[in-house]
Amino acid sequence: MTIFFVLTTALTFMLFAWAVKPAYRVKIMLAVFVWVALQGLLAFNGFYTVTDTVPPRFIFAVFPTFLFIFYMIFFKWKSVENKFDAERLTYFHVVRIPVEIAIFTWYTQGLVPKLMTFEGVNFDILSGLTAFFIGFAYFRKHWISSRVYKIWNFICLGLLLNIVINAIGSAQTPLQFQAFEQPNVAVMYFPFSWLPSFIVPAVLFAHLYCLRTKGRKFEM
């Protein structure tokens, strides 16, 4: 499972890079690589396994990227506008399929609670299963309207928010409020910490960017 998740993270990195405009790809992906490497180093050295601190160390894996993304999308939009392909960012969501497979495997190993899986209350895999069809139908065939495309993005954002809230609420920290019998401990360890520190923020960015651009794409 460790190798599977490393490959999933690598796939996420490559698909995200694929969606960046070539002129900006090296600069943007170098910054992403540095962040991923830093988070990997922290997790590898056990930084996130210390769970009794206030504030929880786990926030350093989640909130810096979330705050940065919201700042760039809503306050520094000109810095990222036209640097990504909305169609490719839509296809990017297929990474949520192997992610959900990984989470289910963690559940069978006692590393996360059932509620974080598709057997519980996590239906995020639907985003991955529908991503290619939505992208193809909207950008290539024009079978669906921009309104339908936006609705899909909002629904998938809701599914993402659902799993994020449940993951944080189940994490073995002073903020935990559920799943005490089988808490979420997987993301405290390397390389699984890349899920909250890299993959989830990348998915969030993809949705917000596509909603902000209204689905526009650039010509490669």
C-alpha atoms as a PDB file:
ATOM      1  CA  MET A   1       0.000   0.000   0.000  1.00  0.00           C
ATOM      2  CA  THR A   2       2.917   2.348   0.618  1.00  0.00           C
ATOM      3  CA  ILE A   3       4.129   1.904  -2.950  1.00  0.00           C
ATOM      4  CA  PHE A   4       0.581   2.287  -4.269  1.00  0.00           C
ATOM      5  CA  PHE A   5       0.153   5.584  -2.457  1.00  0.00           C
ATOM      6  CA  VAL A   6       3.551   6.886  -3.564  1.00  0.00           C
ATOM      7  CA  LEU A   7       2.529   6.114  -7.145  1.00  0.00           C
ATOM      8  CA  THR A   8      -0.804   7.871  -6.572  1.00  0.00           C
ATOM      9  CA  THR A   9       1.040  10.931  -5.305  1.00  0.00           C
ATOM     10  CA  ALA A  10       3.355  10.816  -8.326  1.00  0.00           C
ATOM     11  CA  LEU A  11       0.328  10.565 -10.627  1.00  0.00           C
ATOM     12  CA  THR A  12      -1.212  13.576  -8.897  1.00  0.00           C
ATOM     13  CA  PHE A  13       1.998  15.545  -9.388  1.00  0.00           C
ATOM     14  CA  MET A  14       2.259  14.634 -13.072  1.00  0.00           C
ATOM     15  CA  LEU A  15      -1.395  15.370 -13.892  1.00  0.00           C
ATOM     16  CA  PHE A  16      -1.197  18.683 -12.085  1.00  0.00           C
ATOM     17  CA  ALA A  17       1.944  19.571 -14.040  1.00  0.00           C
ATOM     18  CA  TRP A  18       0.160  18.540 -17.252  1.00  0.00           C
ATOM     19  CA  ALA A  19      -2.505  21.169 -16.510  1.00  0.00           C
ATOM     20  CA  VAL A  20       0.004  24.018 -16.102  1.00  0.00           C
ATOM     21  CA  LYS A  21       0.695  26.263 -19.084  1.00  0.00           C
ATOM     22  CA  PRO A  22       4.132  25.257 -20.467  1.00  0.00           C
ATOM     23  CA  ALA A  23       5.651  28.713 -19.982  1.00  0.00           C
ATOM     24  CA  TYR A  24       4.983  28.513 -16.232  1.00  0.00           C
ATOM     25  CA  ARG A  25       5.311  24.770 -15.660  1.00  0.00           C
ATOM     26  CA  VAL A  26       8.877  24.635 -14.354  1.00  0.00           C
ATOM     27  CA  LYS A  27       8.449  27.524 -11.933  1.00  0.00           C
ATOM     28  CA  ILE A  28       5.116  26.364 -10.519  1.00  0.00           C
ATOM     29  CA  MET A  29       6.003  22.700 -10.256  1.00  0.00           C
ATOM     30  CA  LEU A  30       9.357  23.485  -8.635  1.00  0.00           C
ATOM     31  CA  ALA A  31       7.486  25.317  -5.893  1.00  0.00           C
ATOM     32  CA  VAL A  32       5.061  22.393  -5.563  1.00  0.00           C
ATOM     33  CA  PHE A  33       7.953  19.914  -5.427  1.00  0.00           C
ATOM     34  CA  VAL A  34       9.671  21.865  -2.636  1.00  0.00           C
ATOM     35  CA  TRP A  35       6.453  21.850  -0.599  1.00  0.00           C
ATOM     36  CA  VAL A  36       5.879  18.125  -1.184  1.00  0.00           C
ATOM     37  CA  ALA A  37       9.489  17.341  -0.261  1.00  0.00           C
ATOM     38  CA  LEU A  38       9.256  19.439   2.914  1.00  0.00           C
ATOM     39  CA  GLN A  39       6.060  17.707   3.993  1.00  0.00           C
ATOM     40  CA  GLY A  40       7.563  14.323   3.221  1.00  0.00           C
ATOM     41  CA  LEU A  41      10.618  15.152   5.327  1.00  0.00           C
ATOM     42  CA  LEU A  42       8.508  16.304   8.278  1.00  0.00           C
ATOM     43  CA  ALA A  43       6.362  13.171   8.179  1.00  0.00           C
ATOM     44  CA  PHE A  44       9.351  10.859   7.682  1.00  0.00           C
ATOM     45  CA  ASN A  45      10.935  12.288  10.832  1.00  0.00           C
ATOM     46  CA  GLY A  46       7.768  11.741  12.860  1.00  0.00           C
ATOM     47  CA  PHE A  47       6.739  15.383  13.203  1.00  0.00           C
ATOM     48  CA  TYR A  48       3.044  14.644  12.808  1.00  0.00           C
ATOM     49  CA  THR A  49       3.003  11.606  15.080  1.00  0.00           C
ATOM     50  CA  VAL A  50       3.147  13.922  18.096  1.00  0.00           C
ATOM     51  CA  THR A  51      -0.581  14.412  18.577  1.00  0.00           C
ATOM     52  CA  ASP A  52      -0.962  16.063  21.986  1.00  0.00           C
ATOM     53  CA  THR A  53       0.233  19.566  21.114  1.00  0.00           C
ATOM     54  CA  VAL A  54      -1.901  22.700  21.001  1.00  0.00           C
ATOM     55  CA  PRO A  55      -2.383  23.720  18.273  1.00  0.00           C
ATOM     56  CA  PRO A  56      -2.151  20.253  16.713  1.00  0.00           C
ATOM     57  CA  ARG A  57       0.871  19.813  14.467  1.00  0.00           C
ATOM     58  CA  PHE A  58      -1.482  18.392  11.866  1.00  0.00           C
ATOM     59  CA  ILE A  59      -2.580  21.922  10.944  1.00  0.00           C
ATOM     60  CA  PHE A  60       0.853  22.562   9.430  1.00  0.00           C
ATOM     61  CA  ALA A  61       0.065  19.911   6.816  1.00  0.00           C
ATOM     62  CA  VAL A  62      -3.355  21.319   5.943  1.00  0.00           C
ATOM     63  CA  PHE A  63      -3.921  25.004   6.591  1.00  0.00           C
ATOM     64  CA  PRO A  64      -0.867  26.633   4.944  1.00  0.00           C
ATOM     65  CA  THR A  65      -1.878  25.317   1.512  1.00  0.00           C
ATOM     66  CA  PHE A  66      -5.572  26.038   2.043  1.00  0.00           C
ATOM     67  CA  LEU A  67      -4.854  29.624   3.060  1.00  0.00           C
ATOM     68  CA  PHE A  68      -2.449  30.075   0.150  1.00  0.00           C
ATOM     69  CA  ILE A  69      -4.966  28.729  -2.369  1.00  0.00           C
ATOM     70  CA  PHE A  70      -7.782  30.968  -1.147  1.00  0.00           C
ATOM     71  CA  TYR A  71      -5.446  33.964  -1.129  1.00  0.00           C
ATOM     72  CA  MET A  72      -4.327  33.333  -4.719  1.00  0.00           C
ATOM     73  CA  ILE A  73      -7.818  32.581  -6.066  1.00  0.00           C
ATOM     74  CA  PHE A  74      -9.676  35.433  -4.379  1.00  0.00           C
ATOM     75  CA  PHE A  75      -7.052  38.123  -3.777  1.00  0.00           C
ATOM     76  CA  LYS A  76      -4.203  37.511  -6.253  1.00  0.00           C
ATOM     77  CA  TRP A  77      -6.172  36.095  -9.170  1.00  0.00           C
ATOM     78  CA  LYS A  78      -4.077  37.857 -11.824  1.00  0.00           C
ATOM     79  CA  SER A  79      -1.051  35.886 -10.601  1.00  0.00           C
ATOM     80  CA  VAL A  80      -2.593  32.549 -11.567  1.00  0.00           C
ATOM     81  CA  GLU A  81      -5.093  33.501 -14.273  1.00  0.00           C
ATOM     82  CA  ASN A  82      -4.423  31.848 -17.642  1.00  0.00           C
ATOM     83  CA  LYS A  83      -1.621  29.726 -16.217  1.00  0.00           C
ATOM     84  CA  PHE A  84      -3.687  26.516 -16.138  1.00  0.00           C
ATOM     85  CA  ASP A  85      -5.881  24.578 -18.560  1.00  0.00           C
ATOM     86  CA  ALA A  86      -9.386  24.165 -17.111  1.00  0.00           C
ATOM     87  CA  GLU A  87     -10.087  21.069 -19.204  1.00  0.00           C
ATOM     88  CA  ARG A  88      -6.992  19.315 -17.934  1.00  0.00           C
ATOM     89  CA  LEU A  89      -7.751  20.381 -14.362  1.00  0.00           C
ATOM     90  CA  THR A  90     -11.127  18.699 -14.808  1.00  0.00           C
ATOM     91  CA  TYR A  91      -9.567  15.431 -15.951  1.00  0.00           C
ATOM     92  CA  PHE A  92      -7.127  15.801 -13.051  1.00  0.00           C
ATOM     93  CA  HIS A  93      -9.863  14.690 -10.632  1.00  0.00           C
ATOM     94  CA  VAL A  94      -9.498  11.068 -11.746  1.00  0.00           C
ATOM     95  CA  VAL A  95      -6.764  10.859  -9.079  1.00  0.00           C
ATOM     96  CA  ARG A  96      -9.563  10.688  -6.541  1.00  0.00           C
ATOM     97  CA  ILE A  97     -10.241   7.089  -7.601  1.00  0.00           C
ATOM     98  CA  PRO A  98      -6.890   5.623  -6.437  1.00  0.00           C
ATOM     99  CA  VAL A  99      -7.005   7.929  -3.406  1.00  0.00           C
ATOM    100  CA  GLU A 100     -10.307   6.418  -2.297  1.00  0.00           C
ATOM    101  CA  ILE A 101      -8.946   2.908  -2.881  1.00  0.00           C
ATOM    102  CA  ALA A 102      -5.997   3.801  -0.649  1.00  0.00           C
ATOM    103  CA  ILE A 103      -8.279   5.158   2.076  1.00  0.00           C
ATOM    104  CA  PHE A 104     -10.395   2.006   2.012  1.00  0.00           C
ATOM    105  CA  THR A 105      -7.255  -0.104   2.357  1.00  0.00           C
ATOM    106  CA  TRP A 106      -6.187   2.008   5.336  1.00  0.00           C
ATOM    107  CA  TYR A 107      -9.567   1.266   6.896  1.00  0.00           C
ATOM    108  CA  THR A 108      -9.060  -2.488   6.517  1.00  0.00           C
ATOM    109  CA  GLN A 109      -5.702  -2.045   8.261  1.00  0.00           C
ATOM    110  CA  GLY A 110      -7.214  -0.104  11.158  1.00  0.00           C
ATOM    111  CA  LEU A 111      -5.619   3.211  10.199  1.00  0.00           C
ATOM    112  CA  VAL A 112      -8.778   5.237   9.487  1.00  0.00           C
ATOM    113  CA  PRO A 113     -12.440   4.900  10.528  1.00  0.00           C
ATOM    114  CA  LYS A 114     -15.084   3.415   8.268  1.00  0.00           C
ATOM    115  CA  LEU A 115     -16.852   6.780   7.911  1.00  0.00           C
ATOM    116  CA  MET A 116     -13.885   8.025   5.847  1.00  0.00           C
ATOM    117  CA  THR A 117     -14.459   5.346   3.195  1.00  0.00           C
ATOM    118  CA  PHE A 118     -17.055   4.835   0.458  1.00  0.00           C
ATOM    119  CA  GLU A 119     -18.624   2.242   2.760  1.00  0.00           C
ATOM    120  CA  GLY A 120     -19.156   5.045   5.264  1.00  0.00           C
ATOM    121  CA  VAL A 121     -20.070   8.641   4.414  1.00  0.00           C
ATOM    122  CA  ASN A 122     -17.307   9.433   1.937  1.00  0.00           C
ATOM    123  CA  PHE A 123     -18.637   9.505  -1.624  1.00  0.00           C
ATOM    124  CA  ASP A 124     -15.736  11.477  -3.084  1.00  0.00           C
ATOM    125  CA  ILE A 125     -14.931   8.612  -5.453  1.00  0.00           C
ATOM    126  CA  LEU A 126     -17.921   9.765  -7.540  1.00  0.00           C
ATOM    127  CA  SER A 127     -15.949  12.895  -8.415  1.00  0.00           C
ATOM    128  CA  GLY A 128     -13.168  10.793  -9.876  1.00  0.00           C
ATOM    129  CA  LEU A 129     -15.523   8.448 -11.690  1.00  0.00           C
ATOM    130  CA  THR A 130     -17.367  11.307 -13.412  1.00  0.00           C
ATOM    131  CA  ALA A 131     -14.409  13.649 -14.078  1.00  0.00           C
ATOM    132  CA  PHE A 132     -13.452  12.364 -17.511  1.00  0.00           C
ATOM    133  CA  PHE A 133     -17.036  12.297 -18.778  1.00  0.00           C
ATOM    134  CA  ILE A 134     -17.731  15.832 -17.504  1.00  0.00           C
ATOM    135  CA  GLY A 135     -14.538  17.185 -19.046  1.00  0.00           C
ATOM    136  CA  PHE A 136     -15.138  15.454 -22.365  1.00  0.00           C
ATOM    137  CA  ALA A 137     -18.836  16.375 -22.476  1.00  0.00           C
ATOM    138  CA  TYR A 138     -18.244  20.042 -21.673  1.00  0.00           C
ATOM    139  CA  PHE A 139     -14.998  20.924 -23.431  1.00  0.00           C
ATOM    140  CA  ARG A 140     -15.003  18.556 -26.401  1.00  0.00           C
ATOM    141  CA  LYS A 141     -18.582  17.741 -27.301  1.00  0.00           C
ATOM    142  CA  HIS A 142     -20.491  20.619 -25.677  1.00  0.00           C
ATOM    143  CA  TRP A 143     -23.140  18.200 -24.503  1.00  0.00           C
ATOM    144  CA  ILE A 144     -23.552  20.041 -21.203  1.00  0.00           C
ATOM    145  CA  SER A 145     -23.860  23.740 -20.406  1.00  0.00           C
ATOM    146  CA  SER A 146     -21.527  25.865 -18.310  1.00  0.00           C
ATOM    147  CA  ARG A 147     -24.191  25.816 -15.600  1.00  0.00           C
ATOM    148  CA  VAL A 148     -24.093  22.019 -15.420  1.00  0.00           C
ATOM    149  CA  TYR A 149     -20.303  22.155 -15.381  1.00  0.00           C
ATOM    150  CA  LYS A 150     -20.379  24.611 -12.462  1.00  0.00           C
ATOM    151  CA  ILE A 151     -22.927  22.536 -10.582  1.00  0.00           C
ATOM    152  CA  TRP A 152     -20.687  19.485 -10.956  1.00  0.00           C
ATOM    153  CA  ASN A 153     -17.751  21.449  -9.552  1.00  0.00           C
ATOM    154  CA  PHE A 154     -19.811  22.676  -6.597  1.00  0.00           C
ATOM    155  CA  ILE A 155     -21.111  19.176  -5.840  1.00  0.00           C
ATOM    156  CA  CYS A 156     -17.595  17.758  -5.954  1.00  0.00           C
ATOM    157  CA  LEU A 157     -16.393  20.581  -3.708  1.00  0.00           C
ATOM    158  CA  GLY A 158     -19.074  19.540  -1.253  1.00  0.00           C
ATOM    159  CA  LEU A 159     -17.892  15.938  -1.386  1.00  0.00           C
ATOM    160  CA  LEU A 160     -14.334  17.114  -0.772  1.00  0.00           C
ATOM    161  CA  LEU A 161     -15.397  19.286   2.158  1.00  0.00           C
ATOM    162  CA  ASN A 162     -17.293  16.346   3.630  1.00  0.00           C
ATOM    163  CA  ILE A 163     -14.239  14.086   3.725  1.00  0.00           C
ATOM    164  CA  VAL A 164     -11.960  16.889   4.948  1.00  0.00           C
ATOM    165  CA  ILE A 165     -14.251  17.624   7.912  1.00  0.00           C
ATOM    166  CA  ASN A 166     -14.579  13.944   8.764  1.00  0.00           C
ATOM    167  CA  ALA A 167     -10.833  13.380   8.404  1.00  0.00           C
ATOM    168  CA  ILE A 168      -9.997  16.301  10.709  1.00  0.00           C
ATOM    169  CA  GLY A 169     -12.694  15.305  13.185  1.00  0.00           C
ATOM    170  CA  SER A 170     -11.376  11.734  13.246  1.00  0.00           C
ATOM    171  CA  ALA A 171      -7.686  12.619  13.464  1.00  0.00           C
ATOM    172  CA  GLN A 172      -6.017  11.681  16.739  1.00  0.00           C
ATOM    173  CA  THR A 173      -5.512  15.238  17.987  1.00  0.00           C
ATOM    174  CA  PRO A 174      -6.985  17.402  20.792  1.00  0.00           C
ATOM    175  CA  LEU A 175      -9.596  18.530  18.221  1.00  0.00           C
ATOM    176  CA  GLN A 176     -10.943  15.007  17.616  1.00  0.00           C
ATOM    177  CA  PHE A 177     -14.722  14.731  18.051  1.00  0.00           C
ATOM    178  CA  GLN A 178     -15.592  11.377  16.427  1.00  0.00           C
ATOM    179  CA  ALA A 179     -14.341   7.866  15.564  1.00  0.00           C
ATOM    180  CA  PHE A 180     -12.544   7.413  18.889  1.00  0.00           C
ATOM    181  CA  GLU A 181     -12.674   3.631  18.547  1.00  0.00           C
ATOM    182  CA  GLN A 182     -10.677   3.728  15.287  1.00  0.00           C
ATOM    183  CA  PRO A 183      -9.227   7.207  14.726  1.00  0.00           C
ATOM    184  CA  ASN A 184      -7.623   8.595  11.612  1.00  0.00           C
ATOM    185  CA  VAL A 185      -3.902   7.992  12.164  1.00  0.00           C
ATOM    186  CA  ALA A 186      -2.779   7.126   8.620  1.00  0.00           C
ATOM    187  CA  VAL A 187      -2.174  10.724   7.569  1.00  0.00           C
ATOM    188  CA  MET A 188       0.236  11.240  10.456  1.00  0.00           C
ATOM    189  CA  TYR A 189       2.773   8.966   8.786  1.00  0.00           C
ATOM    190  CA  PHE A 190       4.978   9.100   5.696  1.00  0.00           C
ATOM    191  CA  PRO A 191       4.059   8.925   2.844  1.00  0.00           C
ATOM    192  CA  PHE A 192       0.339   9.061   3.641  1.00  0.00           C
ATOM    193  CA  SER A 193       0.717  12.614   4.983  1.00  0.00           C
ATOM    194  CA  TRP A 194       0.889  13.733   1.350  1.00  0.00           C
ATOM    195  CA  LEU A 195      -2.878  13.250   1.135  1.00  0.00           C
ATOM    196  CA  PRO A 196      -3.808  16.276   3.305  1.00  0.00           C
ATOM    197  CA  SER A 197      -0.685  18.306   2.529  1.00  0.00           C
ATOM    198  CA  PHE A 198      -0.634  17.946  -1.268  1.00  0.00           C
ATOM    199  CA  ILE A 199      -3.360  15.900  -2.957  1.00  0.00           C
ATOM    200  CA  VAL A 200      -6.366  17.451  -1.221  1.00  0.00           C
ATOM    201  CA  PRO A 201      -5.133  21.046  -1.734  1.00  0.00           C
ATOM    202  CA  ALA A 202      -4.424  20.299  -5.403  1.00  0.00           C
ATOM    203  CA  VAL A 203      -7.973  18.990  -5.834  1.00  0.00           C
ATOM    204  CA  LEU A 204      -9.356  22.060  -4.065  1.00  0.00           C
ATOM    205  CA  PHE A 205      -7.334  24.379  -6.302  1.00  0.00           C
ATOM    206  CA  ALA A 206      -8.535  22.599  -9.439  1.00  0.00           C
ATOM    207  CA  HIS A 207     -12.188  23.149  -8.534  1.00  0.00           C
ATOM    208  CA  LEU A 208     -11.783  26.775  -7.479  1.00  0.00           C
ATOM    209  CA  TYR A 209      -9.722  27.638 -10.542  1.00  0.00           C
ATOM    210  CA  CYS A 210     -12.248  26.098 -12.936  1.00  0.00           C
ATOM    211  CA  LEU A 211     -15.112  27.897 -11.220  1.00  0.00           C
ATOM    212  CA  ARG A 212     -13.266  31.201 -11.346  1.00  0.00           C
ATOM    213  CA  THR A 213     -12.375  30.840 -15.030  1.00  0.00           C
ATOM    214  CA  LYS A 214     -15.880  29.597 -15.863  1.00  0.00           C
ATOM    215  CA  GLY A 215     -14.318  26.654 -17.642  1.00  0.00           C
ATOM    216  CA  ARG A 216     -12.178  28.593 -20.090  1.00  0.00           C
ATOM    217  CA  LYS A 217      -9.143  26.788 -21.462  1.00  0.00           C
ATOM    218  CA  PHE A 218      -6.042  27.938 -23.289  1.00  0.00           C
ATOM    219  CA  GLU A 219      -4.775  26.525 -26.565  1.00  0.00           C
ATOM    220  CA  MET A 220      -1.685  24.363 -26.184  1.00  0.00           C
END
